[in-house]
């Protein structure tokens, strides 16, 4: 599929998909004429990257997380101390955002339950 279709299927603008590629978060295949081409795995990857970025994770850590996920799939889960420190700091922030979002979700559910 071309970038426009990938953008439509993922809800991510084509310019952001190109940005993900520039940042090393996505690697498109290329046709002989130089056009980008994408397959089904790219749909999931773009959605994953977009979700991580929307949750507040900086792109430099998104790349590290994607690499860590790939390493976990092969049981090669070690990383440098510097990366481990960055991930630990990010984990604290994620936990705080999750707690905040959970409270918001619970409030919305309560309001909706009372409204029905």
Protein backbone atom coordinates (compact mmCIF):
# COMPACT_ATOMS: atom_id res chain seq x y z
CA UNK A 1 0.00 0.00 0.00
CA UNK A 2 1.08 3.59 -0.52
CA UNK A 3 1.57 6.16 2.22
CA UNK A 4 -1.88 7.68 1.71
CA UNK A 5 -3.60 4.37 2.36
CA UNK A 6 -1.40 3.73 5.40
CA UNK A 7 -2.32 7.18 6.70
CA UNK A 8 -6.01 6.48 6.15
CA UNK A 9 -5.88 3.05 7.82
CA UNK A 10 -3.99 4.29 10.87
CA UNK A 11 -5.45 7.77 11.24
CA UNK A 12 -1.90 9.18 11.20
CA UNK A 13 -1.10 11.96 8.74
CA UNK A 14 1.26 11.06 5.90
CA UNK A 15 3.68 13.79 7.01
CA UNK A 16 3.88 12.17 10.45
CA UNK A 17 4.55 8.80 8.87
CA UNK A 18 7.42 10.40 6.96
CA UNK A 19 8.64 11.94 10.23
CA UNK A 20 8.56 8.52 11.91
CA UNK A 21 10.67 7.24 9.07
CA UNK A 22 13.17 10.11 9.44
CA UNK A 23 13.45 9.38 13.16
CA UNK A 24 14.19 5.70 12.52
CA UNK A 25 10.88 4.53 13.99
CA UNK A 26 9.62 3.05 10.74
CA UNK A 27 11.31 1.65 7.66
CA UNK A 28 9.31 1.69 4.45
CA UNK A 29 10.03 -0.62 1.59
CA UNK A 30 10.78 1.13 -1.69
CA UNK A 31 9.52 0.35 -5.16
CA UNK A 32 11.94 0.58 -8.11
CA UNK A 33 10.58 4.07 -8.85
CA UNK A 34 11.47 5.19 -5.29
CA UNK A 35 7.90 5.29 -3.96
CA UNK A 36 7.35 4.07 -0.43
CA UNK A 37 5.35 0.88 -0.05
CA UNK A 38 3.92 -0.56 3.14
CA UNK A 39 2.50 -3.89 4.26
CA UNK A 40 0.24 -5.02 7.08
CA UNK A 41 3.06 -5.01 9.68
CA UNK A 42 3.53 -1.29 9.00
CA UNK A 43 -0.10 -0.60 9.97
CA UNK A 44 0.49 -2.04 13.42
CA UNK A 45 3.87 -0.35 13.77
CA UNK A 46 2.57 3.11 12.84
CA UNK A 47 -0.35 2.69 15.24
CA UNK A 48 2.05 1.61 18.01
CA UNK A 49 4.43 4.51 17.42
CA UNK A 50 1.57 7.02 17.28
CA UNK A 51 0.10 5.65 20.50
CA UNK A 52 3.42 5.89 22.30
CA UNK A 53 3.99 9.45 21.13
CA UNK A 54 0.43 10.47 22.01
CA UNK A 55 0.98 9.09 25.51
CA UNK A 56 3.81 11.56 25.96
CA UNK A 57 6.85 9.38 25.28
CA UNK A 58 9.54 11.28 23.36
CA UNK A 59 10.59 9.83 20.01
CA UNK A 60 14.10 9.02 21.28
CA UNK A 61 12.52 6.74 23.89
CA UNK A 62 9.97 5.35 21.45
CA UNK A 63 12.86 3.99 19.40
CA UNK A 64 14.43 2.50 22.55
CA UNK A 65 11.11 0.91 23.55
CA UNK A 66 10.62 -0.61 20.11
CA UNK A 67 14.14 -2.01 20.22
CA UNK A 68 13.55 -3.35 23.74
CA UNK A 69 10.31 -5.02 22.63
CA UNK A 70 12.14 -6.67 19.74
CA UNK A 71 14.88 -7.79 22.13
CA UNK A 72 12.32 -9.20 24.56
CA UNK A 73 10.88 -11.27 21.73
CA UNK A 74 14.30 -12.92 21.33
CA UNK A 75 15.19 -12.99 25.06
CA UNK A 76 18.06 -10.55 24.49
CA UNK A 77 16.72 -8.03 27.00
CA UNK A 78 19.86 -6.29 28.23
CA UNK A 79 20.54 -2.61 27.64
CA UNK A 80 23.07 0.03 28.64
CA UNK A 81 22.92 1.62 32.11
CA UNK A 82 22.16 4.98 30.47
CA UNK A 83 19.16 3.54 28.61
CA UNK A 84 18.00 1.70 31.72
CA UNK A 85 18.07 4.98 33.67
CA UNK A 86 16.08 6.75 30.93
CA UNK A 87 13.52 3.96 30.83
CA UNK A 88 13.20 3.94 34.63
CA UNK A 89 12.54 7.69 34.66
CA UNK A 90 9.99 7.30 31.88
CA UNK A 91 8.32 4.46 33.76
CA UNK A 92 7.68 6.76 36.73
CA UNK A 93 6.06 9.31 34.43
CA UNK A 94 3.97 6.64 32.74
CA UNK A 95 2.71 5.35 36.08
CA UNK A 96 1.63 8.88 37.04
CA UNK A 97 -0.15 9.44 33.71
CA UNK A 98 -1.86 6.04 33.96
CA UNK A 99 -3.11 6.85 37.47
CA UNK A 100 -4.43 10.21 36.28
CA UNK A 101 -6.13 8.68 33.24
CA UNK A 102 -7.59 5.88 35.36
CA UNK A 103 -9.17 8.43 37.72
CA UNK A 104 -10.56 10.35 34.74
CA UNK A 105 -11.95 7.18 33.18
CA UNK A 106 -13.59 6.15 36.45
CA UNK A 107 -15.18 9.58 36.85
CA UNK A 108 -16.52 9.51 33.28
CA UNK A 109 -17.94 6.01 33.82
CA UNK A 110 -19.67 7.13 37.02
CA UNK A 111 -21.17 10.21 35.37
CA UNK A 112 -22.39 8.18 32.40
CA UNK A 113 -23.85 5.48 34.66
CA UNK A 114 -25.83 8.10 36.58
CA UNK A 115 -26.97 9.76 33.38
CA UNK A 116 -28.47 6.62 31.90
